[in-house]
Structures are given as C-alpha cells and as structure tokens.
C-alpha cells in the first residue's frame, strides 16, 4: 500500500484541551470533523473521543493533545502517560504552541494570545521556540482580559470588599476577566482611567512581543498573528499594533486556522515519522 493511501485511511485526532472546553478535530479519509464539549476534568477525555467520533482507542492511529500550561518535557511526559491507551501514538504539546502552528501554518513568526490570560510565543526558521508572559493571574497575564478587569477593580471605592468576596469564589479569575469588555467600552467612549488601563495592557503585550523577537532574532518585517477572545476585539488589537510598531516592523495576518486543526494536522504528519 502506498504511503499516501496509508495516510488517507488512518485516523488522526487533534485536541485543544482547555480548562473548560475540549475542542477536537478528526482527520480520516481526507475529511475533517469537528466536535466541542464542555468538560471539567482530564479523565473525561477518555470518554470524549470514542463517543463523538465512534472510534475505539485501538483504532486511533495518532493523537496530538494541545494542553494548557504544559511546557517542560517532564510535564509533557506526565500528561502523555495519563493519556496512554487513547491511541497507538500519543503526543502532547502546549495549547499556545498549537495555536502558533495554526495561526502561521508552521512559518516563522509570532503569536500574541490574549484571552482570559495572555502569552506571546515565537518560532524561528530552525523551529526554535521562545515565549514571554503566560505566568498566570497571580504574577503575570499582562494585557489579558483578567488583567484589564483586575486593574479596573482596583479603582472601585469598594475594591477591598469586592476582592475579599471574589477570593472565596472558585471562578474568581473568570469573573474578573468578564469585566474586560466593560473596560474596553469605557475606553472607547473616552474614559480617562479606562484608557490608561487599556493603553498599559497593550504596551505590556507589545513589550513581550518585542522581547521574543529579539531573543529569536526574527527577520523584519516579522509575521505576527493573534489568538484569544480579547484580541478578537478589533479596537484593542489596533492599539496593540500601534504599540508594537514603536518597537519593530511587523506584518500582521489573521490566524490561518485554530489550535485543534493544527494539532490534527500534526498528528497526521507523525504517522510517517
């Protein structure tokens, strides 16, 4: 059987495993099928794949899982062990890496991700990765929805009372991040305090991006794409573009595809490794 024929008849799955949602793409016989499911715990992934795709794990040839907060080789090995048995071949990468692969289709450049949290990830021509930010809400996530919401919360007269109440809630980060759209609306209307917060957030993201560009010595103009709910806001993204233009010359481009499809395509490529 030819290599092309073998690849077509194989079942490859890519999964974008977030804290709240599982997004998956199966590639089989040249066709892509998407599924999304709200979940709370990793073990549910073992039931998610067979249920949605009608495929027993023994019949899944290649599975790539893009997981949040997975960076080191030790973290990847640990998660891969927990996923053992879901496919003949299992690989684990970070969700930001999958988002970068999808956004630039594997080409060198930069991804700026800002949703509830934030991170900047870059790749050079040799495939080397560098990152800035992504340290979580306690000490990082500058320019994210959480960061904007928290900075606005600080300005409230009852900030101390509100903070104590939020600290008792398991969904505190999500609730604070939910305030970001309101901050953006106020800034667009000209509210001085909101404008200052938004401008500072954009400057933080631009500084992270410039640091990654310097570290990788990316050739200019640097290809830059974006991901995350906050950067889906055209007005916020336009301000970020202006902030980054003060550091380097860039060529902005919309993301070509999402993390789940990028993970599925990587799973297909691993079939012949």
C-alpha atoms as a PDB file:
ATOM      1  CA  UNK A   1       0.000   0.000   0.000  1.00  0.00           C
ATOM      2  CA  UNK A   2       1.376   3.442  -0.913  1.00  0.00           C
ATOM      3  CA  UNK A   3       2.336   5.934   1.785  1.00  0.00           C
ATOM      4  CA  UNK A   4      -0.329   8.400   0.587  1.00  0.00           C
ATOM      5  CA  UNK A   5      -3.007   5.700   0.665  1.00  0.00           C
ATOM      6  CA  UNK A   6      -1.910   4.609   4.131  1.00  0.00           C
ATOM      7  CA  UNK A   7      -2.104   8.171   5.425  1.00  0.00           C
ATOM      8  CA  UNK A   8      -5.602   8.679   3.957  1.00  0.00           C
ATOM      9  CA  UNK A   9      -7.055   5.586   5.603  1.00  0.00           C
ATOM     10  CA  UNK A  10      -5.534   6.351   9.014  1.00  0.00           C
ATOM     11  CA  UNK A  11      -7.395   8.072  11.842  1.00  0.00           C
ATOM     12  CA  UNK A  12      -5.646  11.113  13.308  1.00  0.00           C
ATOM     13  CA  UNK A  13      -7.098  13.329  16.018  1.00  0.00           C
ATOM     14  CA  UNK A  14      -6.058  16.723  17.330  1.00  0.00           C
ATOM     15  CA  UNK A  15      -7.408  18.014  20.640  1.00  0.00           C
ATOM     16  CA  UNK A  16      -7.293  21.515  22.090  1.00  0.00           C
ATOM     17  CA  UNK A  17      -7.667  20.748  25.795  1.00  0.00           C
ATOM     18  CA  UNK A  18      -8.609  23.847  27.759  1.00  0.00           C
ATOM     19  CA  UNK A  19      -9.736  24.300  31.319  1.00  0.00           C
ATOM     20  CA  UNK A  20     -13.419  24.390  30.379  1.00  0.00           C
ATOM     21  CA  UNK A  21     -13.742  23.105  26.803  1.00  0.00           C
ATOM     22  CA  UNK A  22     -12.392  20.254  24.734  1.00  0.00           C
ATOM     23  CA  UNK A  23     -12.210  21.080  21.020  1.00  0.00           C
ATOM     24  CA  UNK A  24     -11.290  18.209  18.745  1.00  0.00           C
ATOM     25  CA  UNK A  25     -10.755  17.598  15.047  1.00  0.00           C
ATOM     26  CA  UNK A  26     -10.583  14.150  13.469  1.00  0.00           C
ATOM     27  CA  UNK A  27      -8.934  13.684  10.084  1.00  0.00           C
ATOM     28  CA  UNK A  28      -9.957  10.489   8.314  1.00  0.00           C
ATOM     29  CA  UNK A  29     -10.080   9.636   4.603  1.00  0.00           C
ATOM     30  CA  UNK A  30      -9.269  13.242   3.751  1.00  0.00           C
ATOM     31  CA  UNK A  31     -12.254  14.596   5.717  1.00  0.00           C
ATOM     32  CA  UNK A  32     -12.220  16.752   8.850  1.00  0.00           C
ATOM     33  CA  UNK A  33     -14.873  16.505  11.555  1.00  0.00           C
ATOM     34  CA  UNK A  34     -15.099  18.886  14.489  1.00  0.00           C
ATOM     35  CA  UNK A  35     -16.553  18.367  17.947  1.00  0.00           C
ATOM     36  CA  UNK A  36     -16.725  20.585  21.031  1.00  0.00           C
ATOM     37  CA  UNK A  37     -17.672  19.596  24.552  1.00  0.00           C
ATOM     38  CA  UNK A  38     -17.693  21.346  27.905  1.00  0.00           C
ATOM     39  CA  UNK A  39     -15.768  19.340  30.486  1.00  0.00           C
ATOM     40  CA  UNK A  40     -14.284  19.782  33.900  1.00  0.00           C
ATOM     41  CA  UNK A  41     -11.643  17.085  34.322  1.00  0.00           C
ATOM     42  CA  UNK A  42      -8.969  15.459  32.178  1.00  0.00           C
ATOM     43  CA  UNK A  43     -10.217  11.855  32.659  1.00  0.00           C
ATOM     44  CA  UNK A  44     -13.313  12.797  30.664  1.00  0.00           C
ATOM     45  CA  UNK A  45     -11.111  12.890  27.562  1.00  0.00           C
ATOM     46  CA  UNK A  46     -11.030   9.082  27.619  1.00  0.00           C
ATOM     47  CA  UNK A  47     -14.798   9.017  27.084  1.00  0.00           C
ATOM     48  CA  UNK A  48     -14.966  12.086  24.847  1.00  0.00           C
ATOM     49  CA  UNK A  49     -13.140  10.703  21.801  1.00  0.00           C
ATOM     50  CA  UNK A  50     -14.961   7.373  21.344  1.00  0.00           C
ATOM     51  CA  UNK A  51     -18.364   8.950  21.982  1.00  0.00           C
ATOM     52  CA  UNK A  52     -18.021  11.774  19.476  1.00  0.00           C
ATOM     53  CA  UNK A  53     -16.103  10.015  16.743  1.00  0.00           C
ATOM     54  CA  UNK A  54     -17.297   6.440  17.100  1.00  0.00           C
ATOM     55  CA  UNK A  55     -13.730   5.225  17.231  1.00  0.00           C
ATOM     56  CA  UNK A  56     -12.282   2.782  19.738  1.00  0.00           C
ATOM     57  CA  UNK A  57      -8.885   3.887  21.023  1.00  0.00           C
ATOM     58  CA  UNK A  58      -7.288   0.847  19.394  1.00  0.00           C
ATOM     59  CA  UNK A  59      -8.316   2.276  16.030  1.00  0.00           C
ATOM     60  CA  UNK A  60      -6.909   5.778  16.583  1.00  0.00           C
ATOM     61  CA  UNK A  61      -3.528   5.851  14.886  1.00  0.00           C
ATOM     62  CA  UNK A  62      -2.241   9.226  16.046  1.00  0.00           C
ATOM     63  CA  UNK A  63      -3.426  11.658  18.738  1.00  0.00           C
ATOM     64  CA  UNK A  64      -1.939  15.076  19.475  1.00  0.00           C
ATOM     65  CA  UNK A  65      -3.252  16.846  22.574  1.00  0.00           C
ATOM     66  CA  UNK A  66      -2.594  20.567  22.937  1.00  0.00           C
ATOM     67  CA  UNK A  67      -2.954  21.260  26.660  1.00  0.00           C
ATOM     68  CA  UNK A  68      -2.956  24.451  28.672  1.00  0.00           C
ATOM     69  CA  UNK A  69       0.005  25.019  30.983  1.00  0.00           C
ATOM     70  CA  UNK A  70       2.178  22.199  29.582  1.00  0.00           C
ATOM     71  CA  UNK A  71       5.692  23.387  28.725  1.00  0.00           C
ATOM     72  CA  UNK A  72       8.504  21.246  30.119  1.00  0.00           C
ATOM     73  CA  UNK A  73       9.493  17.786  28.918  1.00  0.00           C
ATOM     74  CA  UNK A  74       8.547  16.420  32.346  1.00  0.00           C
ATOM     75  CA  UNK A  75       5.049  17.945  32.126  1.00  0.00           C
ATOM     76  CA  UNK A  76       4.565  16.525  28.639  1.00  0.00           C
ATOM     77  CA  UNK A  77       5.672  13.035  29.666  1.00  0.00           C
ATOM     78  CA  UNK A  78       3.404  13.099  32.706  1.00  0.00           C
ATOM     79  CA  UNK A  79       0.324  14.017  30.678  1.00  0.00           C
ATOM     80  CA  UNK A  80       1.239  11.573  27.911  1.00  0.00           C
ATOM     81  CA  UNK A  81       1.308   8.750  30.467  1.00  0.00           C
ATOM     82  CA  UNK A  82      -2.183   9.727  31.638  1.00  0.00           C
ATOM     83  CA  UNK A  83      -3.418   9.616  28.027  1.00  0.00           C
ATOM     84  CA  UNK A  84      -1.783   6.283  27.232  1.00  0.00           C
ATOM     85  CA  UNK A  85      -4.163   3.882  25.559  1.00  0.00           C
ATOM     86  CA  UNK A  86      -6.251   6.525  23.778  1.00  0.00           C
ATOM     87  CA  UNK A  87      -4.319   5.986  20.536  1.00  0.00           C
ATOM     88  CA  UNK A  88      -1.474   3.969  19.097  1.00  0.00           C
ATOM     89  CA  UNK A  89       0.663   7.121  19.149  1.00  0.00           C
ATOM     90  CA  UNK A  90       0.111   9.970  21.605  1.00  0.00           C
ATOM     91  CA  UNK A  91       1.932  13.303  21.657  1.00  0.00           C
ATOM     92  CA  UNK A  92       1.426  16.271  23.985  1.00  0.00           C
ATOM     93  CA  UNK A  93       2.231  19.910  23.195  1.00  0.00           C
ATOM     94  CA  UNK A  94       1.177  23.217  24.732  1.00  0.00           C
ATOM     95  CA  UNK A  95      -2.040  24.845  23.572  1.00  0.00           C
ATOM     96  CA  UNK A  96      -0.110  28.026  22.741  1.00  0.00           C
ATOM     97  CA  UNK A  97       2.265  26.042  20.503  1.00  0.00           C
ATOM     98  CA  UNK A  98      -0.696  24.541  18.646  1.00  0.00           C
ATOM     99  CA  UNK A  99      -2.252  27.995  18.285  1.00  0.00           C
ATOM    100  CA  UNK A 100       1.033  29.293  16.817  1.00  0.00           C
ATOM    101  CA  UNK A 101       1.239  26.362  14.385  1.00  0.00           C
ATOM    102  CA  UNK A 102      -2.305  27.028  13.234  1.00  0.00           C
ATOM    103  CA  UNK A 103      -2.007  30.799  13.023  1.00  0.00           C
ATOM    104  CA  UNK A 104       1.148  30.866  10.872  1.00  0.00           C
ATOM    105  CA  UNK A 105       0.904  27.377   9.343  1.00  0.00           C
ATOM    106  CA  UNK A 106       4.301  26.484  10.779  1.00  0.00           C
ATOM    107  CA  UNK A 107       6.110  29.509   9.320  1.00  0.00           C
ATOM    108  CA  UNK A 108       8.466  31.617  11.466  1.00  0.00           C
ATOM    109  CA  UNK A 109       6.874  34.492  13.304  1.00  0.00           C
ATOM    110  CA  UNK A 110       4.943  35.459  16.366  1.00  0.00           C
ATOM    111  CA  UNK A 111       1.625  34.692  18.027  1.00  0.00           C
ATOM    112  CA  UNK A 112       0.164  37.103  20.570  1.00  0.00           C
ATOM    113  CA  UNK A 113      -2.513  35.369  22.597  1.00  0.00           C
ATOM    114  CA  UNK A 114      -4.784  37.359  24.900  1.00  0.00           C
ATOM    115  CA  UNK A 115      -7.973  35.924  26.291  1.00  0.00           C
ATOM    116  CA  UNK A 116      -8.600  35.353  29.983  1.00  0.00           C
ATOM    117  CA  UNK A 117      -4.806  35.048  30.240  1.00  0.00           C
ATOM    118  CA  UNK A 118      -2.013  36.112  27.899  1.00  0.00           C
ATOM    119  CA  UNK A 119       1.221  34.848  26.367  1.00  0.00           C
ATOM    120  CA  UNK A 120       3.477  35.639  23.412  1.00  0.00           C
ATOM    121  CA  UNK A 121       5.098  32.739  21.559  1.00  0.00           C
ATOM    122  CA  UNK A 122       7.520  32.884  18.643  1.00  0.00           C
ATOM    123  CA  UNK A 123       9.213  30.437  16.277  1.00  0.00           C
ATOM    124  CA  UNK A 124      12.283  30.964  14.100  1.00  0.00           C
ATOM    125  CA  UNK A 125      13.261  29.318  10.819  1.00  0.00           C
ATOM    126  CA  UNK A 126      15.024  26.495  12.638  1.00  0.00           C
ATOM    127  CA  UNK A 127      11.907  25.690  14.666  1.00  0.00           C
ATOM    128  CA  UNK A 128      13.222  27.116  17.934  1.00  0.00           C
ATOM    129  CA  UNK A 129      10.547  28.500  20.268  1.00  0.00           C
ATOM    130  CA  UNK A 130      10.669  31.434  22.658  1.00  0.00           C
ATOM    131  CA  UNK A 131       7.967  32.816  24.902  1.00  0.00           C
ATOM    132  CA  UNK A 132       7.173  35.776  27.125  1.00  0.00           C
ATOM    133  CA  UNK A 133       4.396  36.108  29.657  1.00  0.00           C
ATOM    134  CA  UNK A 134       1.997  33.259  30.297  1.00  0.00           C
ATOM    135  CA  UNK A 135       2.810  33.187  34.004  1.00  0.00           C
ATOM    136  CA  UNK A 136      -0.792  33.080  35.162  1.00  0.00           C
ATOM    137  CA  UNK A 137      -3.012  35.541  37.011  1.00  0.00           C
ATOM    138  CA  UNK A 138      -1.014  35.642  40.238  1.00  0.00           C
ATOM    139  CA  UNK A 139       2.161  37.129  38.752  1.00  0.00           C
ATOM    140  CA  UNK A 140       1.534  37.646  35.048  1.00  0.00           C
ATOM    141  CA  UNK A 141      -1.061  37.651  32.248  1.00  0.00           C
ATOM    142  CA  UNK A 142      -0.384  41.310  31.483  1.00  0.00           C
ATOM    143  CA  UNK A 143      -2.706  42.791  28.879  1.00  0.00           C
ATOM    144  CA  UNK A 144      -5.214  39.955  29.233  1.00  0.00           C
ATOM    145  CA  UNK A 145      -8.920  40.180  29.999  1.00  0.00           C
ATOM    146  CA  UNK A 146      -8.161  39.227  33.598  1.00  0.00           C
ATOM    147  CA  UNK A 147      -5.501  41.923  33.848  1.00  0.00           C
ATOM    148  CA  UNK A 148      -7.811  44.627  32.453  1.00  0.00           C
ATOM    149  CA  UNK A 149     -10.607  43.558  34.775  1.00  0.00           C
ATOM    150  CA  UNK A 150      -8.343  43.474  37.809  1.00  0.00           C
ATOM    151  CA  UNK A 151      -6.856  46.913  37.111  1.00  0.00           C
ATOM    152  CA  UNK A 152     -10.373  48.353  36.817  1.00  0.00           C
ATOM    153  CA  UNK A 153     -11.409  46.574  40.012  1.00  0.00           C
ATOM    154  CA  UNK A 154      -8.559  48.312  41.853  1.00  0.00           C
ATOM    155  CA  UNK A 155     -10.169  51.672  41.086  1.00  0.00           C
ATOM    156  CA  UNK A 156     -13.514  50.842  42.688  1.00  0.00           C
ATOM    157  CA  UNK A 157     -14.220  52.585  46.016  1.00  0.00           C
ATOM    158  CA  UNK A 158     -15.170  49.185  47.460  1.00  0.00           C
ATOM    159  CA  UNK A 159     -12.191  47.364  45.907  1.00  0.00           C
ATOM    160  CA  UNK A 160     -11.136  45.758  49.208  1.00  0.00           C
ATOM    161  CA  UNK A 161     -14.628  44.427  49.919  1.00  0.00           C
ATOM    162  CA  UNK A 162     -15.064  43.171  46.340  1.00  0.00           C
ATOM    163  CA  UNK A 163     -11.648  41.488  46.387  1.00  0.00           C
ATOM    164  CA  UNK A 164     -12.404  39.634  49.621  1.00  0.00           C
ATOM    165  CA  UNK A 165     -15.721  38.423  48.233  1.00  0.00           C
ATOM    166  CA  UNK A 166     -14.110  37.261  44.992  1.00  0.00           C
ATOM    167  CA  UNK A 167     -11.276  35.466  46.781  1.00  0.00           C
ATOM    168  CA  UNK A 168     -13.808  32.987  48.185  1.00  0.00           C
ATOM    169  CA  UNK A 169     -15.118  32.039  44.744  1.00  0.00           C
ATOM    170  CA  UNK A 170     -13.610  29.218  42.651  1.00  0.00           C
ATOM    171  CA  UNK A 171     -14.415  31.184  39.481  1.00  0.00           C
ATOM    172  CA  UNK A 172     -12.761  34.425  40.647  1.00  0.00           C
ATOM    173  CA  UNK A 173     -10.416  34.700  37.646  1.00  0.00           C
ATOM    174  CA  UNK A 174     -13.234  34.207  35.136  1.00  0.00           C
ATOM    175  CA  UNK A 175     -15.447  36.734  36.940  1.00  0.00           C
ATOM    176  CA  UNK A 176     -12.727  39.370  36.963  1.00  0.00           C
ATOM    177  CA  UNK A 177     -11.927  38.712  33.294  1.00  0.00           C
ATOM    178  CA  UNK A 178     -15.604  39.170  32.467  1.00  0.00           C
ATOM    179  CA  UNK A 179     -15.181  42.847  33.338  1.00  0.00           C
ATOM    180  CA  UNK A 180     -12.779  43.446  30.440  1.00  0.00           C
ATOM    181  CA  UNK A 181     -15.422  44.223  27.773  1.00  0.00           C
ATOM    182  CA  UNK A 182     -16.796  46.953  30.021  1.00  0.00           C
ATOM    183  CA  UNK A 183     -13.332  48.459  30.397  1.00  0.00           C
ATOM    184  CA  UNK A 184     -12.918  48.486  26.608  1.00  0.00           C
ATOM    185  CA  UNK A 185     -16.303  50.152  26.108  1.00  0.00           C
ATOM    186  CA  UNK A 186     -15.462  52.855  28.643  1.00  0.00           C
ATOM    187  CA  UNK A 187     -12.082  53.436  26.989  1.00  0.00           C
ATOM    188  CA  UNK A 188     -13.701  53.766  23.569  1.00  0.00           C
ATOM    189  CA  UNK A 189     -16.034  56.383  24.999  1.00  0.00           C
ATOM    190  CA  UNK A 190     -13.029  58.329  26.267  1.00  0.00           C
ATOM    191  CA  UNK A 191     -12.980  57.435  29.971  1.00  0.00           C
ATOM    192  CA  UNK A 192      -9.504  58.512  31.138  1.00  0.00           C
ATOM    193  CA  UNK A 193      -8.962  55.767  33.685  1.00  0.00           C
ATOM    194  CA  UNK A 194     -10.133  53.043  31.319  1.00  0.00           C
ATOM    195  CA  UNK A 195      -7.949  54.462  28.526  1.00  0.00           C
ATOM    196  CA  UNK A 196      -4.911  54.373  30.813  1.00  0.00           C
ATOM    197  CA  UNK A 197      -5.554  50.728  31.707  1.00  0.00           C
ATOM    198  CA  UNK A 198      -6.089  49.670  28.106  1.00  0.00           C
ATOM    199  CA  UNK A 199      -3.007  51.538  26.881  1.00  0.00           C
ATOM    200  CA  UNK A 200      -0.876  49.945  29.608  1.00  0.00           C
ATOM    201  CA  UNK A 201      -2.186  46.480  28.704  1.00  0.00           C
ATOM    202  CA  UNK A 202      -1.340  46.966  25.047  1.00  0.00           C
ATOM    203  CA  UNK A 203       2.118  48.254  25.979  1.00  0.00           C
ATOM    204  CA  UNK A 204       2.782  45.161  28.119  1.00  0.00           C
ATOM    205  CA  UNK A 205       1.840  42.816  25.275  1.00  0.00           C
ATOM    206  CA  UNK A 206       3.948  44.807  22.801  1.00  0.00           C
ATOM    207  CA  UNK A 207       6.949  44.652  25.146  1.00  0.00           C
ATOM    208  CA  UNK A 208       6.562  40.858  25.463  1.00  0.00           C
ATOM    209  CA  UNK A 209       6.363  40.548  21.681  1.00  0.00           C
ATOM    210  CA  UNK A 210       9.458  42.700  21.161  1.00  0.00           C
ATOM    211  CA  UNK A 211      11.382  40.611  23.703  1.00  0.00           C
ATOM    212  CA  UNK A 212      10.570  37.365  21.869  1.00  0.00           C
ATOM    213  CA  UNK A 213      11.503  38.912  18.521  1.00  0.00           C
ATOM    214  CA  UNK A 214      14.879  39.975  19.920  1.00  0.00           C
ATOM    215  CA  UNK A 215      15.515  36.602  21.511  1.00  0.00           C
ATOM    216  CA  UNK A 216      14.857  34.706  18.273  1.00  0.00           C
ATOM    217  CA  UNK A 217      16.383  37.421  16.060  1.00  0.00           C
ATOM    218  CA  UNK A 218      13.422  37.219  13.728  1.00  0.00           C
ATOM    219  CA  UNK A 219      13.871  38.930  10.380  1.00  0.00           C
ATOM    220  CA  UNK A 220      11.752  42.013   9.757  1.00  0.00           C
ATOM    221  CA  UNK A 221       9.032  42.553   8.891  1.00  0.00           C
ATOM    222  CA  UNK A 222       8.013  39.910  11.442  1.00  0.00           C
ATOM    223  CA  UNK A 223       4.904  37.863  10.681  1.00  0.00           C
ATOM    224  CA  UNK A 224       2.504  38.396  13.591  1.00  0.00           C
ATOM    225  CA  UNK A 225      -0.844  36.760  14.246  1.00  0.00           C
ATOM    226  CA  UNK A 226      -3.207  36.681  17.202  1.00  0.00           C
ATOM    227  CA  UNK A 227      -5.491  34.455  19.216  1.00  0.00           C
ATOM    228  CA  UNK A 228      -7.839  34.710  22.191  1.00  0.00           C
ATOM    229  CA  UNK A 229     -11.153  36.384  22.825  1.00  0.00           C
ATOM    230  CA  UNK A 230      -9.695  39.744  23.871  1.00  0.00           C
ATOM    231  CA  UNK A 231      -7.704  40.146  20.649  1.00  0.00           C
ATOM    232  CA  UNK A 232     -10.828  39.324  18.650  1.00  0.00           C
ATOM    233  CA  UNK A 233     -11.764  42.908  19.563  1.00  0.00           C
ATOM    234  CA  UNK A 234     -10.634  44.947  16.536  1.00  0.00           C
ATOM    235  CA  UNK A 235     -10.208  48.156  18.529  1.00  0.00           C
ATOM    236  CA  UNK A 236      -7.996  46.583  21.199  1.00  0.00           C
ATOM    237  CA  UNK A 237      -5.949  44.788  18.538  1.00  0.00           C
ATOM    238  CA  UNK A 238      -5.455  48.018  16.567  1.00  0.00           C
ATOM    239  CA  UNK A 239      -3.995  49.676  19.652  1.00  0.00           C
ATOM    240  CA  UNK A 240      -1.660  46.730  20.138  1.00  0.00           C
ATOM    241  CA  UNK A 241      -0.497  47.034  16.530  1.00  0.00           C
ATOM    242  CA  UNK A 242       0.382  50.686  17.105  1.00  0.00           C
ATOM    243  CA  UNK A 243       2.204  49.843  20.338  1.00  0.00           C
ATOM    244  CA  UNK A 244       4.260  47.085  18.691  1.00  0.00           C
ATOM    245  CA  UNK A 245       5.071  49.289  15.684  1.00  0.00           C
ATOM    246  CA  UNK A 246       7.058  51.506  18.072  1.00  0.00           C
ATOM    247  CA  UNK A 247       9.430  48.573  18.633  1.00  0.00           C
ATOM    248  CA  UNK A 248       9.670  46.640  15.348  1.00  0.00           C
ATOM    249  CA  UNK A 249       8.305  46.387  11.815  1.00  0.00           C
ATOM    250  CA  UNK A 250       5.622  43.717  11.572  1.00  0.00           C
ATOM    251  CA  UNK A 251       3.339  42.127   9.005  1.00  0.00           C
ATOM    252  CA  UNK A 252       0.068  41.248  10.688  1.00  0.00           C
ATOM    253  CA  UNK A 253      -2.024  38.399   9.338  1.00  0.00           C
ATOM    254  CA  UNK A 254      -5.235  36.724  10.554  1.00  0.00           C
ATOM    255  CA  UNK A 255      -4.782  33.226  12.017  1.00  0.00           C
ATOM    256  CA  UNK A 256      -4.999  30.663   9.229  1.00  0.00           C
ATOM    257  CA  UNK A 257      -6.621  28.021  11.406  1.00  0.00           C
ATOM    258  CA  UNK A 258      -7.198  27.101  15.040  1.00  0.00           C
ATOM    259  CA  UNK A 259      -5.262  25.024  17.564  1.00  0.00           C
ATOM    260  CA  UNK A 260      -7.424  21.889  17.242  1.00  0.00           C
ATOM    261  CA  UNK A 261      -6.980  21.612  13.462  1.00  0.00           C
ATOM    262  CA  UNK A 262      -3.272  22.401  13.780  1.00  0.00           C
ATOM    263  CA  UNK A 263      -2.943  19.568  16.328  1.00  0.00           C
ATOM    264  CA  UNK A 264      -4.815  17.196  14.000  1.00  0.00           C
ATOM    265  CA  UNK A 265      -2.515  18.061  11.091  1.00  0.00           C
ATOM    266  CA  UNK A 266       0.489  17.463  13.334  1.00  0.00           C
ATOM    267  CA  UNK A 267      -0.999  14.085  14.272  1.00  0.00           C
ATOM    268  CA  UNK A 268      -1.210  13.207  10.554  1.00  0.00           C
ATOM    269  CA  UNK A 269       2.410  14.244   9.989  1.00  0.00           C
ATOM    270  CA  UNK A 270       3.527  11.936  12.820  1.00  0.00           C
ATOM    271  CA  UNK A 271       2.103   8.893  11.016  1.00  0.00           C
ATOM    272  CA  UNK A 272       5.147   8.684   8.777  1.00  0.00           C
ATOM    273  CA  UNK A 273       7.810   9.796  11.306  1.00  0.00           C
END
